[in-house]
Amino acid sequence: MTLSRTETGSEWTANIREMPLPTCVIQPRKGLDSLELAALWEHRELLYFLVWRDLKVRYKQTLIGASWAIFQPAISMAIFTLVFGKLAKIPSDGLPYAVFVYTALLPWIYFSQALTRCANGLVSNAHLITKVYFPRLIIPLADVIAPAVDFLCAFLVLLGLIAWFGIVPSWGVLALPLFFLSAMLTALAIGLWLSPLNARYRDVGVTIPFLIQFWMFASPVVYPVSLVPESWRLVYSLNPMVGVIEGFRWGLLGKENPNFALMLVSVFMVLLLLVGGVIFFKRMERTFTDVI
């Protein structure tokens, strides 16, 4: 660019030479880079505040606060014990039915809450997605982490029940964090499939409660796995929550060792659903702002 005076000398004019403009090419990321793992770590504080926000909103202006995390499984345990344990006489592998069903209710209630929140997470956080950039995977991650606080509160009651009935946990109690992680990954995996679909087709959200109710009776929550015919157990174990619930009962109630081969099938299904869910979520991510 060169400057020159006009004839009067009072004004300057600029002669701008034509210069090539810089070119910026935007391409979709490929491979592991598309997961934006570095961006997830950079936005870890946002993950913390989303979890903290969910906890505050859930118990704000409530009379008993976090005690609801204890009352919900306790009331469900009382109803199931009366209906299925006393009236229907469903066996409980020689264990008191109350602690038998409560041990399964804890991971199941966590899973149902995490899945529901994760499946509706994109819709409920539309105001953030349409205005601010951040890795979208943070939303389903926050949705599956927040209910873990309720699980820990209710878990203390379970320890009291075990002590009351004089049950001695097996060495499998050391594997409980792995079983809980499996429940968390299962909720995340299914949520990664359902949340983009729910953002595009809102009637998906209507079917989620029915899906969870059906899934509960397809899992050994109110009955033992021993009631399932031997020929169907391999297919039955494709349900990832089967391995989670059986793992909790094995570790906490001192049951005989479960069929680890069937539990490995459940773990394989979790990993398969999770990998597919991440790929599907990332492919649908580019349309979130347009459809929410």
C-alpha atoms as a PDB file:
ATOM      1  CA  MET A   1       0.000   0.000   0.000  1.00  0.00           C
ATOM      2  CA  THR A   2       1.370   3.452  -0.987  1.00  0.00           C
ATOM      3  CA  LEU A   3       0.195   6.917   0.128  1.00  0.00           C
ATOM      4  CA  SER A   4       0.057  10.025  -2.148  1.00  0.00           C
ATOM      5  CA  ARG A   5      -1.060  13.632  -1.650  1.00  0.00           C
ATOM      6  CA  THR A   6      -3.812  15.312  -3.613  1.00  0.00           C
ATOM      7  CA  GLU A   7      -3.172  18.524  -5.559  1.00  0.00           C
ATOM      8  CA  THR A   8      -4.307  20.698  -2.664  1.00  0.00           C
ATOM      9  CA  GLY A   9      -2.033  18.840  -0.283  1.00  0.00           C
ATOM     10  CA  SER A  10      -4.756  18.620   2.350  1.00  0.00           C
ATOM     11  CA  GLU A  11      -5.844  15.035   1.825  1.00  0.00           C
ATOM     12  CA  TRP A  12      -4.104  11.766   1.492  1.00  0.00           C
ATOM     13  CA  THR A  13      -5.215   8.953  -0.728  1.00  0.00           C
ATOM     14  CA  ALA A  14      -4.209   5.337  -0.516  1.00  0.00           C
ATOM     15  CA  ASN A  15      -3.384   3.165  -3.469  1.00  0.00           C
ATOM     16  CA  ILE A  16      -3.998  -0.397  -2.402  1.00  0.00           C
ATOM     17  CA  ARG A  17      -2.347  -3.003  -4.504  1.00  0.00           C
ATOM     18  CA  GLU A  18      -4.210  -6.202  -5.073  1.00  0.00           C
ATOM     19  CA  MET A  19      -2.883  -8.861  -2.750  1.00  0.00           C
ATOM     20  CA  PRO A  20      -4.008 -12.496  -2.456  1.00  0.00           C
ATOM     21  CA  LEU A  21      -6.315 -13.125   0.510  1.00  0.00           C
ATOM     22  CA  PRO A  22      -5.392 -15.865   2.973  1.00  0.00           C
ATOM     23  CA  THR A  23      -7.253 -19.112   2.477  1.00  0.00           C
ATOM     24  CA  CYS A  24      -8.759 -21.030   5.395  1.00  0.00           C
ATOM     25  CA  VAL A  25      -9.923 -24.568   4.668  1.00  0.00           C
ATOM     26  CA  ILE A  26     -12.330 -26.127   7.197  1.00  0.00           C
ATOM     27  CA  GLN A  27     -12.438 -29.899   7.104  1.00  0.00           C
ATOM     28  CA  PRO A  28     -14.011 -32.464   9.419  1.00  0.00           C
ATOM     29  CA  ARG A  29     -11.581 -34.115  11.774  1.00  0.00           C
ATOM     30  CA  LYS A  30     -10.788 -37.750  11.262  1.00  0.00           C
ATOM     31  CA  GLY A  31      -9.843 -40.618  13.527  1.00  0.00           C
ATOM     32  CA  LEU A  32      -9.323 -40.115  17.233  1.00  0.00           C
ATOM     33  CA  ASP A  33      -8.834 -36.390  16.660  1.00  0.00           C
ATOM     34  CA  SER A  34     -12.565 -36.078  15.933  1.00  0.00           C
ATOM     35  CA  LEU A  35     -13.306 -36.987  19.572  1.00  0.00           C
ATOM     36  CA  GLU A  36     -11.749 -33.672  20.671  1.00  0.00           C
ATOM     37  CA  LEU A  37     -10.163 -35.281  23.718  1.00  0.00           C
ATOM     38  CA  ALA A  38      -7.857 -32.299  24.212  1.00  0.00           C
ATOM     39  CA  ALA A  39     -10.843 -29.935  24.063  1.00  0.00           C
ATOM     40  CA  LEU A  40     -12.689 -32.079  26.604  1.00  0.00           C
ATOM     41  CA  TRP A  41      -9.786 -31.719  29.005  1.00  0.00           C
ATOM     42  CA  GLU A  42      -9.580 -27.961  28.402  1.00  0.00           C
ATOM     43  CA  HIS A  43     -13.289 -27.628  29.228  1.00  0.00           C
ATOM     44  CA  ARG A  44     -13.170 -29.853  32.335  1.00  0.00           C
ATOM     45  CA  GLU A  45     -14.248 -26.924  34.503  1.00  0.00           C
ATOM     46  CA  LEU A  46     -17.424 -26.641  32.429  1.00  0.00           C
ATOM     47  CA  LEU A  47     -18.105 -30.316  33.125  1.00  0.00           C
ATOM     48  CA  TYR A  48     -17.738 -29.659  36.838  1.00  0.00           C
ATOM     49  CA  PHE A  49     -20.102 -26.677  36.796  1.00  0.00           C
ATOM     50  CA  LEU A  50     -22.725 -28.541  34.733  1.00  0.00           C
ATOM     51  CA  VAL A  51     -22.732 -31.369  37.297  1.00  0.00           C
ATOM     52  CA  TRP A  52     -22.887 -28.877  40.176  1.00  0.00           C
ATOM     53  CA  ARG A  53     -25.714 -26.977  38.466  1.00  0.00           C
ATOM     54  CA  ASP A  54     -27.753 -30.152  38.014  1.00  0.00           C
ATOM     55  CA  LEU A  55     -27.371 -31.069  41.676  1.00  0.00           C
ATOM     56  CA  LYS A  56     -28.384 -27.616  42.860  1.00  0.00           C
ATOM     57  CA  VAL A  57     -31.414 -27.438  40.569  1.00  0.00           C
ATOM     58  CA  ARG A  58     -32.604 -30.905  41.575  1.00  0.00           C
ATOM     59  CA  TYR A  59     -32.715 -30.206  45.303  1.00  0.00           C
ATOM     60  CA  LYS A  60     -33.415 -26.489  45.293  1.00  0.00           C
ATOM     61  CA  GLN A  61     -36.558 -25.537  47.242  1.00  0.00           C
ATOM     62  CA  THR A  62     -37.102 -29.076  48.525  1.00  0.00           C
ATOM     63  CA  LEU A  63     -38.006 -29.863  52.112  1.00  0.00           C
ATOM     64  CA  ILE A  64     -35.706 -32.832  52.652  1.00  0.00           C
ATOM     65  CA  GLY A  65     -33.102 -32.174  49.951  1.00  0.00           C
ATOM     66  CA  ALA A  66     -30.757 -35.055  49.139  1.00  0.00           C
ATOM     67  CA  SER A  67     -32.782 -37.402  51.361  1.00  0.00           C
ATOM     68  CA  TRP A  68     -34.902 -38.119  48.292  1.00  0.00           C
ATOM     69  CA  ALA A  69     -31.950 -40.130  47.013  1.00  0.00           C
ATOM     70  CA  ILE A  70     -32.538 -42.486  49.957  1.00  0.00           C
ATOM     71  CA  PHE A  71     -36.341 -42.492  50.013  1.00  0.00           C
ATOM     72  CA  GLN A  72     -36.830 -43.466  46.370  1.00  0.00           C
ATOM     73  CA  PRO A  73     -34.989 -46.821  46.497  1.00  0.00           C
ATOM     74  CA  ALA A  74     -36.260 -47.488  50.037  1.00  0.00           C
ATOM     75  CA  ILE A  75     -39.917 -47.038  49.033  1.00  0.00           C
ATOM     76  CA  SER A  76     -39.394 -49.098  45.869  1.00  0.00           C
ATOM     77  CA  MET A  77     -37.783 -51.826  47.990  1.00  0.00           C
ATOM     78  CA  ALA A  78     -40.780 -51.897  50.341  1.00  0.00           C
ATOM     79  CA  ILE A  79     -43.286 -52.143  47.470  1.00  0.00           C
ATOM     80  CA  PHE A  80     -41.337 -54.823  45.595  1.00  0.00           C
ATOM     81  CA  THR A  81     -40.823 -56.826  48.773  1.00  0.00           C
ATOM     82  CA  LEU A  82     -44.561 -56.815  49.471  1.00  0.00           C
ATOM     83  CA  VAL A  83     -45.720 -57.529  45.908  1.00  0.00           C
ATOM     84  CA  PHE A  84     -43.030 -59.811  44.536  1.00  0.00           C
ATOM     85  CA  GLY A  85     -41.536 -61.233  47.726  1.00  0.00           C
ATOM     86  CA  LYS A  86     -44.615 -61.777  49.905  1.00  0.00           C
ATOM     87  CA  LEU A  87     -47.501 -62.088  47.450  1.00  0.00           C
ATOM     88  CA  ALA A  88     -45.891 -63.488  44.285  1.00  0.00           C
ATOM     89  CA  LYS A  89     -43.383 -65.569  46.300  1.00  0.00           C
ATOM     90  CA  ILE A  90     -40.553 -64.965  43.833  1.00  0.00           C
ATOM     91  CA  PRO A  91     -37.394 -66.723  45.052  1.00  0.00           C
ATOM     92  CA  SER A  92     -34.349 -64.706  46.082  1.00  0.00           C
ATOM     93  CA  ASP A  93     -31.578 -67.319  46.065  1.00  0.00           C
ATOM     94  CA  GLY A  94     -31.946 -67.946  49.793  1.00  0.00           C
ATOM     95  CA  LEU A  95     -31.373 -64.285  50.720  1.00  0.00           C
ATOM     96  CA  PRO A  96     -33.799 -61.909  52.452  1.00  0.00           C
ATOM     97  CA  TYR A  97     -35.861 -60.475  49.628  1.00  0.00           C
ATOM     98  CA  ALA A  98     -35.559 -56.896  50.889  1.00  0.00           C
ATOM     99  CA  VAL A  99     -31.774 -56.777  50.651  1.00  0.00           C
ATOM    100  CA  PHE A 100     -31.875 -58.957  47.519  1.00  0.00           C
ATOM    101  CA  VAL A 101     -33.986 -56.441  45.602  1.00  0.00           C
ATOM    102  CA  TYR A 102     -32.388 -53.338  47.150  1.00  0.00           C
ATOM    103  CA  THR A 103     -28.947 -54.439  45.948  1.00  0.00           C
ATOM    104  CA  ALA A 104     -30.317 -54.522  42.392  1.00  0.00           C
ATOM    105  CA  LEU A 105     -32.354 -51.345  42.729  1.00  0.00           C
ATOM    106  CA  LEU A 106     -29.337 -49.166  43.482  1.00  0.00           C
ATOM    107  CA  PRO A 107     -27.501 -49.684  40.170  1.00  0.00           C
ATOM    108  CA  TRP A 108     -30.796 -49.848  38.312  1.00  0.00           C
ATOM    109  CA  ILE A 109     -32.132 -46.518  39.647  1.00  0.00           C
ATOM    110  CA  TYR A 110     -28.795 -44.891  38.879  1.00  0.00           C
ATOM    111  CA  PHE A 111     -28.883 -46.305  35.349  1.00  0.00           C
ATOM    112  CA  SER A 112     -32.469 -45.196  34.705  1.00  0.00           C
ATOM    113  CA  GLN A 113     -31.820 -41.666  35.973  1.00  0.00           C
ATOM    114  CA  ALA A 114     -28.561 -41.326  34.034  1.00  0.00           C
ATOM    115  CA  LEU A 115     -30.121 -42.644  30.829  1.00  0.00           C
ATOM    116  CA  THR A 116     -33.152 -40.368  31.096  1.00  0.00           C
ATOM    117  CA  ARG A 117     -31.026 -37.287  31.727  1.00  0.00           C
ATOM    118  CA  CYS A 118     -28.540 -38.200  29.008  1.00  0.00           C
ATOM    119  CA  ALA A 119     -31.244 -38.841  26.404  1.00  0.00           C
ATOM    120  CA  ASN A 120     -32.856 -35.456  27.134  1.00  0.00           C
ATOM    121  CA  GLY A 121     -29.600 -33.576  27.692  1.00  0.00           C
ATOM    122  CA  LEU A 122     -29.299 -31.913  24.286  1.00  0.00           C
ATOM    123  CA  VAL A 123     -32.877 -30.633  24.373  1.00  0.00           C
ATOM    124  CA  SER A 124     -32.643 -29.333  27.940  1.00  0.00           C
ATOM    125  CA  ASN A 125     -29.337 -27.571  27.181  1.00  0.00           C
ATOM    126  CA  ALA A 126     -30.408 -26.095  23.844  1.00  0.00           C
ATOM    127  CA  HIS A 127     -29.778 -22.556  25.130  1.00  0.00           C
ATOM    128  CA  LEU A 128     -26.099 -23.419  25.594  1.00  0.00           C
ATOM    129  CA  ILE A 129     -25.620 -25.344  22.369  1.00  0.00           C
ATOM    130  CA  THR A 130     -27.031 -22.579  20.166  1.00  0.00           C
ATOM    131  CA  LYS A 131     -24.984 -19.787  21.774  1.00  0.00           C
ATOM    132  CA  VAL A 132     -21.654 -21.088  23.062  1.00  0.00           C
ATOM    133  CA  TYR A 133     -19.041 -23.411  21.597  1.00  0.00           C
ATOM    134  CA  PHE A 134     -17.802 -26.286  23.704  1.00  0.00           C
ATOM    135  CA  PRO A 135     -17.320 -30.023  23.080  1.00  0.00           C
ATOM    136  CA  ARG A 136     -20.848 -31.392  22.948  1.00  0.00           C
ATOM    137  CA  LEU A 137     -19.767 -34.652  24.569  1.00  0.00           C
ATOM    138  CA  ILE A 138     -19.536 -32.739  27.846  1.00  0.00           C
ATOM    139  CA  ILE A 139     -23.346 -32.675  28.103  1.00  0.00           C
ATOM    140  CA  PRO A 140     -23.914 -36.471  28.153  1.00  0.00           C
ATOM    141  CA  LEU A 141     -20.868 -36.904  30.388  1.00  0.00           C
ATOM    142  CA  ALA A 142     -22.299 -34.472  32.940  1.00  0.00           C
ATOM    143  CA  ASP A 143     -25.692 -36.183  32.736  1.00  0.00           C
ATOM    144  CA  VAL A 144     -24.277 -39.586  33.703  1.00  0.00           C
ATOM    145  CA  ILE A 145     -22.010 -38.226  36.455  1.00  0.00           C
ATOM    146  CA  ALA A 146     -24.593 -36.189  38.379  1.00  0.00           C
ATOM    147  CA  PRO A 147     -26.820 -39.165  39.467  1.00  0.00           C
ATOM    148  CA  ALA A 148     -23.749 -40.864  40.943  1.00  0.00           C
ATOM    149  CA  VAL A 149     -24.112 -38.598  43.988  1.00  0.00           C
ATOM    150  CA  ASP A 150     -27.578 -40.048  44.684  1.00  0.00           C
ATOM    151  CA  PHE A 151     -26.164 -43.543  44.276  1.00  0.00           C
ATOM    152  CA  LEU A 152     -23.504 -42.910  46.926  1.00  0.00           C
ATOM    153  CA  CYS A 153     -26.109 -41.606  49.390  1.00  0.00           C
ATOM    154  CA  ALA A 154     -28.354 -44.648  48.927  1.00  0.00           C
ATOM    155  CA  PHE A 155     -25.366 -46.996  49.058  1.00  0.00           C
ATOM    156  CA  LEU A 156     -24.866 -46.139  52.727  1.00  0.00           C
ATOM    157  CA  VAL A 157     -28.346 -47.498  53.462  1.00  0.00           C
ATOM    158  CA  LEU A 158     -27.463 -50.704  51.651  1.00  0.00           C
ATOM    159  CA  LEU A 159     -24.422 -51.155  53.884  1.00  0.00           C
ATOM    160  CA  GLY A 160     -26.712 -50.774  56.890  1.00  0.00           C
ATOM    161  CA  LEU A 161     -29.099 -53.434  55.518  1.00  0.00           C
ATOM    162  CA  ILE A 162     -26.243 -55.856  54.928  1.00  0.00           C
ATOM    163  CA  ALA A 163     -25.039 -55.381  58.483  1.00  0.00           C
ATOM    164  CA  TRP A 164     -28.600 -55.746  59.862  1.00  0.00           C
ATOM    165  CA  PHE A 165     -29.107 -59.128  58.170  1.00  0.00           C
ATOM    166  CA  GLY A 166     -25.597 -60.274  59.080  1.00  0.00           C
ATOM    167  CA  ILE A 167     -24.495 -60.806  55.493  1.00  0.00           C
ATOM    168  CA  VAL A 168     -20.765 -61.050  54.859  1.00  0.00           C
ATOM    169  CA  PRO A 169     -19.688 -59.611  51.472  1.00  0.00           C
ATOM    170  CA  SER A 170     -17.374 -61.680  49.295  1.00  0.00           C
ATOM    171  CA  TRP A 171     -14.010 -60.582  47.920  1.00  0.00           C
ATOM    172  CA  GLY A 172     -15.946 -59.466  44.840  1.00  0.00           C
ATOM    173  CA  VAL A 173     -16.788 -56.260  46.720  1.00  0.00           C
ATOM    174  CA  LEU A 174     -13.444 -54.974  45.448  1.00  0.00           C
ATOM    175  CA  ALA A 175     -14.844 -55.135  41.907  1.00  0.00           C
ATOM    176  CA  LEU A 176     -17.882 -52.955  42.683  1.00  0.00           C
ATOM    177  CA  PRO A 177     -16.301 -49.813  41.144  1.00  0.00           C
ATOM    178  CA  LEU A 178     -15.890 -51.751  37.891  1.00  0.00           C
ATOM    179  CA  PHE A 179     -19.532 -52.848  37.909  1.00  0.00           C
ATOM    180  CA  PHE A 180     -20.645 -49.298  38.635  1.00  0.00           C
ATOM    181  CA  LEU A 181     -18.430 -48.047  35.804  1.00  0.00           C
ATOM    182  CA  SER A 182     -20.116 -50.583  33.533  1.00  0.00           C
ATOM    183  CA  ALA A 183     -23.537 -49.175  34.506  1.00  0.00           C
ATOM    184  CA  MET A 184     -22.270 -45.643  33.839  1.00  0.00           C
ATOM    185  CA  LEU A 185     -20.865 -46.576  30.431  1.00  0.00           C
ATOM    186  CA  THR A 186     -24.095 -48.394  29.541  1.00  0.00           C
ATOM    187  CA  ALA A 187     -26.177 -45.294  30.304  1.00  0.00           C
ATOM    188  CA  LEU A 188     -23.709 -43.133  28.373  1.00  0.00           C
ATOM    189  CA  ALA A 189     -23.672 -45.489  25.390  1.00  0.00           C
ATOM    190  CA  ILE A 190     -27.465 -45.679  25.050  1.00  0.00           C
ATOM    191  CA  GLY A 191     -27.759 -41.944  25.753  1.00  0.00           C
ATOM    192  CA  LEU A 192     -25.345 -41.144  22.927  1.00  0.00           C
ATOM    193  CA  TRP A 193     -27.697 -42.959  20.564  1.00  0.00           C
ATOM    194  CA  LEU A 194     -30.935 -41.501  21.918  1.00  0.00           C
ATOM    195  CA  SER A 195     -29.984 -37.857  22.562  1.00  0.00           C
ATOM    196  CA  PRO A 196     -29.327 -36.910  18.898  1.00  0.00           C
ATOM    197  CA  LEU A 197     -32.490 -38.746  17.860  1.00  0.00           C
ATOM    198  CA  ASN A 198     -34.457 -36.971  20.579  1.00  0.00           C
ATOM    199  CA  ALA A 199     -33.117 -33.617  19.382  1.00  0.00           C
ATOM    200  CA  ARG A 200     -34.404 -34.324  15.865  1.00  0.00           C
ATOM    201  CA  TYR A 201     -37.532 -36.332  16.667  1.00  0.00           C
ATOM    202  CA  ARG A 202     -39.084 -35.215  19.952  1.00  0.00           C
ATOM    203  CA  ASP A 203     -41.377 -38.222  20.175  1.00  0.00           C
ATOM    204  CA  VAL A 204     -38.284 -40.260  21.051  1.00  0.00           C
ATOM    205  CA  GLY A 205     -38.407 -38.598  24.468  1.00  0.00           C
ATOM    206  CA  VAL A 206     -41.929 -39.921  24.969  1.00  0.00           C
ATOM    207  CA  THR A 207     -40.796 -43.508  24.450  1.00  0.00           C
ATOM    208  CA  ILE A 208     -37.869 -43.324  26.906  1.00  0.00           C
ATOM    209  CA  PRO A 209     -39.959 -44.003  30.095  1.00  0.00           C
ATOM    210  CA  PHE A 210     -41.561 -47.012  28.389  1.00  0.00           C
ATOM    211  CA  LEU A 211     -38.135 -48.251  27.274  1.00  0.00           C
ATOM    212  CA  ILE A 212     -36.767 -47.998  30.835  1.00  0.00           C
ATOM    213  CA  GLN A 213     -39.800 -49.756  32.321  1.00  0.00           C
ATOM    214  CA  PHE A 214     -39.503 -52.614  29.829  1.00  0.00           C
ATOM    215  CA  TRP A 215     -35.753 -52.812  30.398  1.00  0.00           C
ATOM    216  CA  MET A 216     -36.231 -53.158  34.154  1.00  0.00           C
ATOM    217  CA  PHE A 217     -38.335 -56.295  33.791  1.00  0.00           C
ATOM    218  CA  ALA A 218     -35.823 -57.606  31.239  1.00  0.00           C
ATOM    219  CA  SER A 219     -33.152 -57.299  33.940  1.00  0.00           C
ATOM    220  CA  PRO A 220     -32.833 -59.412  37.124  1.00  0.00           C
ATOM    221  CA  VAL A 221     -34.044 -56.684  39.461  1.00  0.00           C
ATOM    222  CA  VAL A 222     -37.017 -58.402  41.104  1.00  0.00           C
ATOM    223  CA  TYR A 223     -36.079 -61.989  40.255  1.00  0.00           C
ATOM    224  CA  PRO A 224     -32.857 -64.032  40.164  1.00  0.00           C
ATOM    225  CA  VAL A 225     -31.089 -65.084  36.988  1.00  0.00           C
ATOM    226  CA  SER A 226     -31.704 -68.694  37.996  1.00  0.00           C
ATOM    227  CA  LEU A 227     -35.311 -68.310  36.836  1.00  0.00           C
ATOM    228  CA  VAL A 228     -34.128 -67.721  33.262  1.00  0.00           C
ATOM    229  CA  PRO A 229     -33.929 -70.998  31.291  1.00  0.00           C
ATOM    230  CA  GLU A 230     -30.375 -72.159  30.684  1.00  0.00           C
ATOM    231  CA  SER A 231     -30.863 -72.122  26.908  1.00  0.00           C
ATOM    232  CA  TRP A 232     -31.791 -68.425  26.994  1.00  0.00           C
ATOM    233  CA  ARG A 233     -29.092 -67.130  29.323  1.00  0.00           C
ATOM    234  CA  LEU A 234     -26.589 -66.301  26.593  1.00  0.00           C
ATOM    235  CA  VAL A 235     -29.142 -64.138  24.809  1.00  0.00           C
ATOM    236  CA  TYR A 236     -30.305 -62.767  28.152  1.00  0.00           C
ATOM    237  CA  SER A 237     -26.771 -61.689  29.037  1.00  0.00           C
ATOM    238  CA  LEU A 238     -26.659 -59.415  25.983  1.00  0.00           C
ATOM    239  CA  ASN A 239     -28.434 -57.015  28.314  1.00  0.00           C
ATOM    240  CA  PRO A 240     -25.479 -55.140  29.891  1.00  0.00           C
ATOM    241  CA  MET A 241     -27.374 -54.544  33.132  1.00  0.00           C
ATOM    242  CA  VAL A 242     -27.486 -58.285  33.792  1.00  0.00           C
ATOM    243  CA  GLY A 243     -23.749 -58.343  34.435  1.00  0.00           C
ATOM    244  CA  VAL A 244     -23.944 -55.178  36.551  1.00  0.00           C
ATOM    245  CA  ILE A 245     -26.731 -56.424  38.835  1.00  0.00           C
ATOM    246  CA  GLU A 246     -25.270 -59.897  39.203  1.00  0.00           C
ATOM    247  CA  GLY A 247     -21.902 -58.332  39.996  1.00  0.00           C
ATOM    248  CA  PHE A 248     -23.396 -56.219  42.782  1.00  0.00           C
ATOM    249  CA  ARG A 249     -25.175 -59.213  44.300  1.00  0.00           C
ATOM    250  CA  TRP A 250     -22.060 -61.330  44.062  1.00  0.00           C
ATOM    251  CA  GLY A 251     -19.821 -58.741  45.690  1.00  0.00           C
ATOM    252  CA  LEU A 252     -22.172 -57.491  48.421  1.00  0.00           C
ATOM    253  CA  LEU A 253     -24.347 -60.468  49.299  1.00  0.00           C
ATOM    254  CA  GLY A 254     -21.753 -63.238  49.138  1.00  0.00           C
ATOM    255  CA  LYS A 255     -23.566 -65.142  46.380  1.00  0.00           C
ATOM    256  CA  GLU A 256     -21.794 -67.939  44.585  1.00  0.00           C
ATOM    257  CA  ASN A 257     -19.518 -66.872  41.775  1.00  0.00           C
ATOM    258  CA  PRO A 258     -21.534 -65.759  38.753  1.00  0.00           C
ATOM    259  CA  ASN A 259     -20.997 -67.038  35.241  1.00  0.00           C
ATOM    260  CA  PHE A 260     -18.063 -64.861  34.224  1.00  0.00           C
ATOM    261  CA  ALA A 261     -18.434 -65.864  30.573  1.00  0.00           C
ATOM    262  CA  LEU A 262     -21.918 -64.338  30.515  1.00  0.00           C
ATOM    263  CA  MET A 263     -20.617 -61.253  32.286  1.00  0.00           C
ATOM    264  CA  LEU A 264     -17.949 -60.847  29.609  1.00  0.00           C
ATOM    265  CA  VAL A 265     -20.706 -60.929  27.007  1.00  0.00           C
ATOM    266  CA  SER A 266     -22.390 -58.022  28.823  1.00  0.00           C
ATOM    267  CA  VAL A 267     -19.102 -56.086  28.927  1.00  0.00           C
ATOM    268  CA  PHE A 268     -18.581 -56.671  25.209  1.00  0.00           C
ATOM    269  CA  MET A 269     -22.057 -55.305  24.493  1.00  0.00           C
ATOM    270  CA  VAL A 270     -21.307 -52.200  26.567  1.00  0.00           C
ATOM    271  CA  LEU A 271     -18.126 -51.483  24.614  1.00  0.00           C
ATOM    272  CA  LEU A 272     -19.833 -52.151  21.296  1.00  0.00           C
ATOM    273  CA  LEU A 273     -22.717 -49.812  22.099  1.00  0.00           C
ATOM    274  CA  LEU A 274     -20.329 -47.156  23.419  1.00  0.00           C
ATOM    275  CA  VAL A 275     -18.085 -47.098  20.342  1.00  0.00           C
ATOM    276  CA  GLY A 276     -21.092 -47.022  18.027  1.00  0.00           C
ATOM    277  CA  GLY A 277     -22.754 -44.347  20.160  1.00  0.00           C
ATOM    278  CA  VAL A 278     -19.715 -42.059  20.063  1.00  0.00           C
ATOM    279  CA  ILE A 279     -19.448 -42.382  16.268  1.00  0.00           C
ATOM    280  CA  PHE A 280     -23.165 -41.719  15.809  1.00  0.00           C
ATOM    281  CA  PHE A 281     -23.121 -38.755  18.207  1.00  0.00           C
ATOM    282  CA  LYS A 282     -20.160 -37.114  16.456  1.00  0.00           C
ATOM    283  CA  ARG A 283     -21.752 -37.540  13.033  1.00  0.00           C
ATOM    284  CA  MET A 284     -25.010 -35.993  14.192  1.00  0.00           C
ATOM    285  CA  GLU A 285     -23.226 -33.212  16.071  1.00  0.00           C
ATOM    286  CA  ARG A 286     -22.966 -30.942  13.026  1.00  0.00           C
ATOM    287  CA  THR A 287     -26.771 -30.643  12.876  1.00  0.00           C
ATOM    288  CA  PHE A 288     -27.487 -30.014  16.564  1.00  0.00           C
ATOM    289  CA  THR A 289     -27.749 -26.233  16.245  1.00  0.00           C
ATOM    290  CA  ASP A 290     -30.107 -26.491  13.269  1.00  0.00           C
ATOM    291  CA  VAL A 291     -32.625 -28.944  14.716  1.00  0.00           C
ATOM    292  CA  ILE A 292     -32.785 -28.105  18.424  1.00  0.00           C
END
